[in-house]
N, C-alpha and C. Protein backbone atom coordinates (compact mmCIF):
# COMPACT_ATOMS: atom_id res chain seq x y z
N MET A 1 96.11 117.86 98.28
CA MET A 1 96.86 116.62 98.10
C MET A 1 96.52 115.67 99.24
N LEU A 2 96.32 114.41 98.89
CA LEU A 2 96.01 113.41 99.91
C LEU A 2 97.25 113.08 100.73
N LYS A 3 97.03 112.77 101.99
CA LYS A 3 98.12 112.36 102.86
C LYS A 3 98.41 110.88 102.62
N VAL A 4 99.60 110.44 102.97
CA VAL A 4 100.01 109.06 102.78
C VAL A 4 99.05 108.11 103.49
N GLN A 5 98.64 108.45 104.71
CA GLN A 5 97.72 107.59 105.47
C GLN A 5 96.38 107.47 104.74
N GLU A 6 95.90 108.57 104.16
CA GLU A 6 94.64 108.53 103.42
C GLU A 6 94.76 107.65 102.18
N ILE A 7 95.90 107.72 101.52
CA ILE A 7 96.12 106.87 100.34
C ILE A 7 96.16 105.41 100.76
N ARG A 8 96.82 105.11 101.88
CA ARG A 8 96.86 103.72 102.38
C ARG A 8 95.45 103.21 102.68
N GLU A 9 94.63 104.05 103.30
CA GLU A 9 93.26 103.65 103.61
C GLU A 9 92.47 103.41 102.33
N LEU A 10 92.67 104.27 101.32
CA LEU A 10 92.00 104.06 100.05
C LEU A 10 92.43 102.75 99.40
N ILE A 11 93.73 102.44 99.49
CA ILE A 11 94.24 101.17 98.94
C ILE A 11 93.55 100.00 99.61
N LYS A 12 93.44 100.04 100.93
CA LYS A 12 92.78 98.95 101.66
C LYS A 12 91.32 98.81 101.23
N LEU A 13 90.62 99.94 101.12
CA LEU A 13 89.21 99.90 100.74
C LEU A 13 89.02 99.36 99.33
N VAL A 14 89.85 99.81 98.39
CA VAL A 14 89.76 99.32 97.02
C VAL A 14 90.12 97.84 96.98
N ASP A 15 91.14 97.45 97.74
CA ASP A 15 91.59 96.07 97.77
C ASP A 15 90.51 95.13 98.29
N GLN A 16 89.75 95.57 99.29
CA GLN A 16 88.73 94.73 99.90
C GLN A 16 87.40 94.78 99.14
N SER A 17 87.25 95.70 98.21
CA SER A 17 85.98 95.84 97.51
C SER A 17 86.02 95.10 96.16
N ALA A 18 84.89 95.12 95.48
CA ALA A 18 84.78 94.49 94.16
C ALA A 18 85.16 95.47 93.06
N ILE A 19 85.56 96.67 93.43
CA ILE A 19 85.94 97.70 92.45
C ILE A 19 87.27 97.31 91.81
N ASP A 20 87.34 97.41 90.48
CA ASP A 20 88.58 97.10 89.77
C ASP A 20 89.44 98.33 89.53
N GLU A 21 88.80 99.51 89.45
CA GLU A 21 89.55 100.73 89.17
C GLU A 21 88.90 101.89 89.93
N PHE A 22 89.75 102.78 90.46
CA PHE A 22 89.28 103.92 91.25
C PHE A 22 90.11 105.14 90.88
N THR A 23 89.44 106.28 90.60
CA THR A 23 90.15 107.52 90.27
C THR A 23 89.58 108.64 91.14
N TYR A 24 90.49 109.45 91.69
CA TYR A 24 90.11 110.58 92.54
C TYR A 24 90.87 111.80 92.05
N GLU A 25 90.15 112.89 91.78
CA GLU A 25 90.78 114.13 91.32
C GLU A 25 90.44 115.26 92.28
N SER A 26 91.46 116.04 92.64
CA SER A 26 91.24 117.18 93.53
C SER A 26 92.40 118.15 93.39
N ASP A 27 92.09 119.42 93.22
CA ASP A 27 93.10 120.49 93.17
C ASP A 27 94.25 120.19 92.21
N GLY A 28 93.94 119.72 91.03
CA GLY A 28 94.98 119.46 90.04
C GLY A 28 95.77 118.20 90.27
N THR A 29 95.35 117.35 91.20
CA THR A 29 96.04 116.09 91.48
C THR A 29 95.07 114.95 91.21
N THR A 30 95.57 113.92 90.54
CA THR A 30 94.75 112.75 90.23
C THR A 30 95.39 111.52 90.85
N VAL A 31 94.57 110.73 91.54
CA VAL A 31 95.02 109.46 92.11
C VAL A 31 94.20 108.37 91.43
N THR A 32 94.88 107.42 90.80
CA THR A 32 94.21 106.31 90.13
C THR A 32 94.71 105.01 90.73
N MET A 33 93.78 104.11 91.06
CA MET A 33 94.13 102.81 91.60
C MET A 33 93.45 101.75 90.75
N LYS A 34 94.23 100.73 90.36
CA LYS A 34 93.69 99.65 89.54
C LYS A 34 94.11 98.32 90.14
N LYS A 35 93.18 97.37 90.12
CA LYS A 35 93.52 96.01 90.52
C LYS A 35 93.99 95.31 89.25
N SER A 36 94.99 94.45 89.38
CA SER A 36 95.49 93.76 88.20
C SER A 36 95.24 92.27 88.32
N GLY A 37 94.60 91.67 87.31
CA GLY A 37 94.39 90.23 87.21
C GLY A 37 93.68 89.64 88.41
N ALA A 38 94.04 88.37 88.70
CA ALA A 38 93.41 87.65 89.80
C ALA A 38 93.96 88.10 91.14
N GLU A 39 95.16 88.69 91.11
CA GLU A 39 95.73 89.19 92.36
C GLU A 39 94.91 90.35 92.85
N SER A 40 94.87 90.51 94.14
CA SER A 40 94.14 91.62 94.72
C SER A 40 95.14 92.69 95.09
N THR A 41 95.53 93.51 94.11
CA THR A 41 96.49 94.58 94.39
C THR A 41 95.91 95.89 93.91
N ALA A 42 96.26 96.94 94.58
CA ALA A 42 95.83 98.28 94.18
C ALA A 42 97.08 99.09 93.89
N ALA A 43 97.09 99.78 92.77
CA ALA A 43 98.26 100.55 92.39
C ALA A 43 97.91 102.03 92.36
N PRO A 44 98.37 102.80 93.34
CA PRO A 44 98.07 104.22 93.32
C PRO A 44 99.01 104.96 92.38
N VAL A 45 98.45 105.84 91.60
CA VAL A 45 99.26 106.66 90.71
C VAL A 45 98.86 108.10 90.98
N VAL A 46 99.79 108.90 91.45
CA VAL A 46 99.50 110.30 91.77
C VAL A 46 100.12 111.16 90.69
N GLN A 47 99.29 112.00 90.07
CA GLN A 47 99.79 112.86 89.01
C GLN A 47 99.39 114.29 89.34
N GLU A 48 100.36 115.18 89.29
CA GLU A 48 100.02 116.59 89.45
C GLU A 48 99.86 117.18 88.06
N GLN A 49 98.75 117.86 87.85
CA GLN A 49 98.50 118.45 86.54
C GLN A 49 98.89 119.92 86.59
N ARG A 50 99.81 120.30 85.71
CA ARG A 50 100.25 121.69 85.65
C ARG A 50 99.99 122.21 84.24
N PRO A 51 99.66 123.47 84.12
CA PRO A 51 99.41 124.02 82.78
C PRO A 51 100.69 124.00 81.93
N VAL A 52 100.54 123.63 80.68
CA VAL A 52 101.67 123.57 79.75
C VAL A 52 101.64 124.82 78.89
N GLU A 53 102.78 125.53 78.83
CA GLU A 53 102.83 126.79 78.09
C GLU A 53 103.15 126.59 76.61
N ARG A 54 103.88 125.52 76.29
CA ARG A 54 104.23 125.28 74.89
C ARG A 54 104.02 123.81 74.59
N PRO A 55 103.86 123.46 73.33
CA PRO A 55 103.65 122.05 72.99
C PRO A 55 104.87 121.22 73.40
N VAL A 56 104.59 120.05 73.94
CA VAL A 56 105.65 119.16 74.40
C VAL A 56 105.42 117.81 73.75
N GLU A 57 106.50 117.19 73.28
CA GLU A 57 106.36 115.85 72.72
C GLU A 57 106.03 114.90 73.86
N THR A 58 105.09 114.01 73.60
CA THR A 58 104.71 113.07 74.64
C THR A 58 105.18 111.67 74.28
N THR A 59 105.61 110.98 75.27
CA THR A 59 105.98 109.57 75.10
C THR A 59 105.19 108.77 76.13
N GLU A 60 104.96 107.52 75.82
CA GLU A 60 104.20 106.69 76.74
C GLU A 60 105.06 106.34 77.95
N ILE A 61 104.54 106.61 79.09
CA ILE A 61 105.25 106.33 80.34
C ILE A 61 104.46 105.25 81.07
N ARG A 62 105.14 104.18 81.39
CA ARG A 62 104.49 103.11 82.14
C ARG A 62 104.37 103.53 83.59
N GLU A 63 103.14 103.42 84.12
CA GLU A 63 102.90 103.83 85.49
C GLU A 63 103.37 102.73 86.45
N PRO A 64 104.03 103.13 87.53
CA PRO A 64 104.50 102.12 88.48
C PRO A 64 103.33 101.48 89.22
N GLU A 65 103.45 100.19 89.47
CA GLU A 65 102.42 99.50 90.24
C GLU A 65 102.94 99.24 91.64
N VAL A 66 102.06 99.42 92.59
CA VAL A 66 102.41 99.15 93.98
C VAL A 66 101.59 97.96 94.41
N LYS A 67 102.24 96.90 94.82
CA LYS A 67 101.53 95.72 95.27
C LYS A 67 101.36 95.82 96.78
N VAL A 68 100.14 95.55 97.20
CA VAL A 68 99.83 95.60 98.62
C VAL A 68 99.83 94.18 99.14
N GLU A 69 100.74 93.89 100.03
CA GLU A 69 100.81 92.56 100.61
C GLU A 69 100.36 92.66 102.05
N GLU A 70 99.48 91.74 102.41
CA GLU A 70 98.97 91.75 103.77
C GLU A 70 99.89 90.90 104.62
N LYS A 71 100.43 91.51 105.65
CA LYS A 71 101.30 90.79 106.57
C LYS A 71 100.56 90.65 107.89
N LYS A 72 100.49 89.44 108.36
CA LYS A 72 99.85 89.21 109.63
C LYS A 72 100.93 88.93 110.66
N GLU A 73 100.88 89.72 111.71
CA GLU A 73 101.85 89.55 112.78
C GLU A 73 101.15 88.94 113.98
N THR A 74 101.81 88.03 114.59
CA THR A 74 101.25 87.46 115.81
C THR A 74 102.07 87.95 116.98
N VAL A 75 101.38 88.36 117.99
CA VAL A 75 102.04 88.86 119.18
C VAL A 75 101.82 87.85 120.29
N HIS A 76 102.91 87.36 120.83
CA HIS A 76 102.82 86.39 121.91
C HIS A 76 103.06 87.11 123.23
N THR A 77 102.16 86.89 124.15
CA THR A 77 102.34 87.49 125.46
C THR A 77 102.49 86.38 126.48
N GLU A 78 103.30 86.64 127.45
CA GLU A 78 103.49 85.66 128.51
C GLU A 78 102.42 85.84 129.56
N GLN A 79 101.82 84.73 129.95
CA GLN A 79 100.81 84.82 130.99
C GLN A 79 101.48 84.64 132.34
N THR A 80 101.06 85.46 133.26
CA THR A 80 101.62 85.37 134.60
C THR A 80 100.58 84.76 135.52
N ASP A 81 100.99 84.37 136.69
CA ASP A 81 100.08 83.77 137.66
C ASP A 81 99.06 84.79 138.16
N GLN A 82 99.33 86.08 137.98
CA GLN A 82 98.44 87.11 138.51
C GLN A 82 97.26 87.40 137.60
N GLU A 83 97.30 86.95 136.33
CA GLU A 83 96.21 87.24 135.41
C GLU A 83 94.96 86.47 135.81
N GLU A 84 93.82 87.11 135.60
CA GLU A 84 92.56 86.48 135.93
C GLU A 84 92.09 85.63 134.75
N PRO A 85 91.35 84.57 135.01
CA PRO A 85 90.80 83.77 133.92
C PRO A 85 89.74 84.60 133.19
N PRO A 86 89.38 84.21 131.97
CA PRO A 86 88.37 84.97 131.24
C PRO A 86 87.09 85.09 132.06
N ALA A 87 86.49 86.26 132.01
CA ALA A 87 85.31 86.55 132.83
C ALA A 87 84.11 85.74 132.35
N ASP A 88 83.30 85.29 133.29
CA ASP A 88 82.04 84.61 133.00
C ASP A 88 81.01 85.70 132.75
N PHE A 89 80.38 85.71 131.57
CA PHE A 89 79.43 86.77 131.25
C PHE A 89 78.24 86.20 130.48
N ASP A 90 77.14 86.95 130.50
CA ASP A 90 75.93 86.55 129.80
C ASP A 90 75.60 87.48 128.63
N TYR A 91 76.16 88.69 128.65
CA TYR A 91 75.76 89.71 127.68
C TYR A 91 76.94 90.63 127.39
N GLU A 92 77.04 91.05 126.14
CA GLU A 92 78.07 92.03 125.76
C GLU A 92 77.37 93.31 125.31
N ILE A 93 77.81 94.43 125.88
CA ILE A 93 77.34 95.73 125.42
C ILE A 93 78.25 96.12 124.27
N VAL A 94 77.66 96.34 123.08
CA VAL A 94 78.45 96.61 121.89
C VAL A 94 78.24 98.05 121.42
N SER A 95 79.19 98.54 120.65
CA SER A 95 79.10 99.89 120.11
C SER A 95 78.08 99.92 118.98
N PRO A 96 77.13 100.85 119.02
CA PRO A 96 76.14 100.95 117.96
C PRO A 96 76.63 101.74 116.74
N MET A 97 77.89 102.21 116.81
CA MET A 97 78.42 103.03 115.71
C MET A 97 79.95 103.07 115.76
N VAL A 98 80.53 103.60 114.71
CA VAL A 98 81.97 103.84 114.66
C VAL A 98 82.23 105.17 115.33
N GLY A 99 83.23 105.23 116.19
CA GLY A 99 83.54 106.49 116.86
C GLY A 99 84.60 106.32 117.92
N THR A 100 84.68 107.27 118.83
CA THR A 100 85.63 107.23 119.92
C THR A 100 84.87 107.02 121.22
N MET A 101 85.30 106.01 122.01
CA MET A 101 84.62 105.69 123.25
C MET A 101 85.23 106.49 124.39
N TYR A 102 84.36 107.13 125.19
CA TYR A 102 84.80 107.84 126.38
C TYR A 102 84.09 107.22 127.58
N SER A 103 84.84 106.94 128.63
CA SER A 103 84.27 106.27 129.80
C SER A 103 83.66 107.24 130.80
N SER A 104 83.82 108.56 130.58
CA SER A 104 83.25 109.54 131.51
C SER A 104 82.72 110.73 130.71
N PRO A 105 81.83 111.53 131.33
CA PRO A 105 81.25 112.66 130.60
C PRO A 105 82.25 113.76 130.28
N ASN A 106 83.32 113.88 131.08
CA ASN A 106 84.39 114.83 130.79
C ASN A 106 85.67 114.33 131.45
N PRO A 107 86.83 114.84 131.04
CA PRO A 107 88.10 114.32 131.56
C PRO A 107 88.27 114.39 133.07
N GLU A 108 87.60 115.34 133.73
CA GLU A 108 87.76 115.49 135.17
C GLU A 108 86.85 114.56 135.97
N SER A 109 85.85 113.97 135.33
CA SER A 109 84.87 113.14 136.03
C SER A 109 85.33 111.70 136.14
N ASP A 110 84.71 110.98 137.09
CA ASP A 110 84.95 109.54 137.21
C ASP A 110 84.25 108.82 136.07
N ALA A 111 84.69 107.59 135.81
CA ALA A 111 84.08 106.77 134.77
C ALA A 111 82.63 106.46 135.13
N TYR A 112 81.79 106.33 134.09
CA TYR A 112 80.39 105.95 134.33
C TYR A 112 80.33 104.62 135.08
N VAL A 113 81.07 103.62 134.58
CA VAL A 113 81.09 102.30 135.22
C VAL A 113 82.51 101.73 135.17
N ASN A 114 82.82 100.88 136.14
CA ASN A 114 84.08 100.15 136.17
C ASN A 114 83.76 98.67 136.38
N LYS A 115 84.77 97.85 136.35
CA LYS A 115 84.58 96.43 136.60
C LYS A 115 83.97 96.27 138.00
N GLY A 116 82.92 95.46 138.09
CA GLY A 116 82.25 95.22 139.36
C GLY A 116 81.06 96.12 139.60
N ALA A 117 80.85 97.13 138.74
CA ALA A 117 79.73 98.06 138.91
C ALA A 117 78.41 97.37 138.59
N LYS A 118 77.38 97.68 139.38
CA LYS A 118 76.03 97.18 139.13
C LYS A 118 75.35 98.13 138.15
N VAL A 119 74.68 97.57 137.14
CA VAL A 119 74.00 98.39 136.14
C VAL A 119 72.55 97.95 135.99
N GLU A 120 71.73 98.89 135.61
CA GLU A 120 70.33 98.63 135.26
C GLU A 120 70.19 98.86 133.76
N LYS A 121 69.01 98.55 133.21
CA LYS A 121 68.80 98.68 131.76
C LYS A 121 69.07 100.09 131.25
N ASP A 122 68.73 101.11 132.05
CA ASP A 122 68.88 102.49 131.59
C ASP A 122 70.16 103.16 132.09
N THR A 123 71.07 102.40 132.69
CA THR A 123 72.33 102.96 133.19
C THR A 123 73.24 103.32 132.02
N ILE A 124 73.75 104.56 132.01
CA ILE A 124 74.70 104.98 130.98
C ILE A 124 76.05 104.38 131.34
N VAL A 125 76.66 103.65 130.38
CA VAL A 125 77.94 103.00 130.64
C VAL A 125 79.11 103.74 130.00
N CYS A 126 78.85 104.50 128.93
CA CYS A 126 79.92 105.24 128.26
C CYS A 126 79.30 106.18 127.23
N ILE A 127 80.17 106.91 126.55
CA ILE A 127 79.77 107.79 125.46
C ILE A 127 80.58 107.38 124.24
N VAL A 128 79.92 107.33 123.07
CA VAL A 128 80.65 107.12 121.82
C VAL A 128 80.46 108.39 121.00
N GLU A 129 81.59 109.04 120.68
CA GLU A 129 81.55 110.27 119.90
C GLU A 129 81.73 109.93 118.43
N ALA A 130 80.79 110.40 117.62
CA ALA A 130 80.88 110.22 116.17
C ALA A 130 80.52 111.54 115.51
N MET A 131 81.42 112.07 114.73
CA MET A 131 81.21 113.32 113.99
C MET A 131 80.76 114.46 114.91
N LYS A 132 81.46 114.62 116.03
CA LYS A 132 81.23 115.69 117.01
C LYS A 132 79.90 115.55 117.75
N LEU A 133 79.24 114.39 117.62
CA LEU A 133 78.03 114.12 118.39
C LEU A 133 78.36 113.10 119.46
N PHE A 134 77.97 113.39 120.69
CA PHE A 134 78.27 112.51 121.81
C PHE A 134 77.03 111.68 122.13
N ASN A 135 77.12 110.37 121.89
CA ASN A 135 75.99 109.46 122.05
C ASN A 135 76.16 108.65 123.32
N GLU A 136 75.20 108.77 124.24
CA GLU A 136 75.25 108.01 125.48
C GLU A 136 74.83 106.58 125.22
N ILE A 137 75.62 105.62 125.69
CA ILE A 137 75.34 104.21 125.49
C ILE A 137 74.81 103.64 126.80
N GLU A 138 73.64 103.01 126.73
CA GLU A 138 73.01 102.43 127.91
C GLU A 138 73.31 100.94 127.99
N ALA A 139 73.22 100.39 129.21
CA ALA A 139 73.54 98.98 129.44
C ALA A 139 72.57 98.04 128.74
N GLU A 140 71.30 98.36 128.69
CA GLU A 140 70.24 97.56 128.07
C GLU A 140 69.93 96.27 128.83
N VAL A 141 70.68 95.94 129.88
CA VAL A 141 70.40 94.79 130.74
C VAL A 141 70.73 95.17 132.17
N SER A 142 70.17 94.42 133.10
CA SER A 142 70.51 94.61 134.51
C SER A 142 71.53 93.56 134.89
N GLY A 143 72.54 93.95 135.63
CA GLY A 143 73.56 93.00 136.04
C GLY A 143 74.80 93.68 136.58
N GLU A 144 75.94 92.99 136.44
CA GLU A 144 77.21 93.49 136.95
C GLU A 144 78.24 93.49 135.82
N ILE A 145 78.99 94.59 135.70
CA ILE A 145 80.06 94.67 134.70
C ILE A 145 81.18 93.74 135.17
N VAL A 146 81.51 92.71 134.35
CA VAL A 146 82.57 91.78 134.73
C VAL A 146 83.85 92.04 133.96
N GLU A 147 83.74 92.81 132.85
CA GLU A 147 84.95 93.11 132.08
C GLU A 147 84.74 94.37 131.25
N VAL A 148 85.74 95.26 131.27
CA VAL A 148 85.76 96.45 130.43
C VAL A 148 86.72 96.13 129.30
N LEU A 149 86.24 96.14 128.06
CA LEU A 149 87.03 95.69 126.92
C LEU A 149 87.72 96.81 126.15
N VAL A 150 87.34 98.06 126.40
CA VAL A 150 87.87 99.18 125.62
C VAL A 150 88.40 100.25 126.57
N GLU A 151 89.55 100.82 126.24
CA GLU A 151 90.15 101.90 127.03
C GLU A 151 89.50 103.23 126.70
N ASP A 152 89.54 104.16 127.63
CA ASP A 152 89.02 105.50 127.42
C ASP A 152 89.75 106.18 126.27
N GLY A 153 89.00 106.76 125.33
CA GLY A 153 89.59 107.46 124.19
C GLY A 153 89.95 106.56 123.02
N GLU A 154 89.64 105.29 123.10
CA GLU A 154 89.97 104.34 122.04
C GLU A 154 88.92 104.38 120.93
N LEU A 155 89.37 104.21 119.69
CA LEU A 155 88.46 104.15 118.55
C LEU A 155 87.74 102.81 118.57
N VAL A 156 86.44 102.82 118.29
CA VAL A 156 85.65 101.59 118.28
C VAL A 156 84.92 101.47 116.95
N GLU A 157 84.64 100.23 116.57
CA GLU A 157 83.93 99.92 115.34
C GLU A 157 82.48 99.60 115.65
N TYR A 158 81.64 99.60 114.63
CA TYR A 158 80.25 99.20 114.78
C TYR A 158 80.20 97.74 115.23
N GLY A 159 79.46 97.45 116.29
CA GLY A 159 79.30 96.08 116.77
C GLY A 159 80.43 95.58 117.65
N GLN A 160 81.44 96.41 117.90
CA GLN A 160 82.58 95.99 118.72
C GLN A 160 82.14 95.90 120.19
N PRO A 161 82.43 94.79 120.86
CA PRO A 161 82.08 94.67 122.28
C PRO A 161 82.84 95.70 123.13
N LEU A 162 82.10 96.36 124.03
CA LEU A 162 82.68 97.37 124.90
C LEU A 162 82.78 96.87 126.35
N PHE A 163 81.73 96.19 126.81
CA PHE A 163 81.66 95.69 128.18
C PHE A 163 81.05 94.30 128.17
N ARG A 164 81.41 93.49 129.15
CA ARG A 164 80.77 92.19 129.37
C ARG A 164 80.01 92.27 130.69
N VAL A 165 78.77 91.75 130.66
CA VAL A 165 77.89 91.86 131.81
C VAL A 165 77.40 90.48 132.22
N LYS A 166 77.44 90.22 133.53
CA LYS A 166 76.83 89.03 134.12
C LYS A 166 75.45 89.48 134.57
N THR A 167 74.40 88.96 133.90
CA THR A 167 73.05 89.41 134.20
C THR A 167 72.55 88.81 135.51
N LYS A 168 71.53 89.47 136.08
CA LYS A 168 70.95 89.05 137.36
C LYS A 168 70.10 87.82 137.18
């Protein structure tokens, strides 16, 4: 049986895609999602299939539709006098894959780089773990790290900026 979070992710994927209908069957359970009309909604229908021992009269049952509404929340933060202005940078080191970013080779070690660290083209700045493979990410430029954009252990997307570098 799919977990609620997995069903929500499927709804988002179907909603964002050009697919009008999606059906998934596993272990006697069927999940069907359909978009209706011009609206972009996905309606999950979960049915458990059980063996029937005797004939049963069937009646048409209307399947419930679930409308997915996107809510955008804005978070306002107060700026204090202690905050630094946005860093001046020439280059962003981005994640080459989806995964989890680690700033050090193991939990007991220091971070590969911190703000203010000098880097060369072949300097390892972090590790991105994807599917149990640990991929070392190199700076690809020489310069100074002026901003660290991702926390240790945070999930990152393909192309997401990880560090900002002021080149030499």
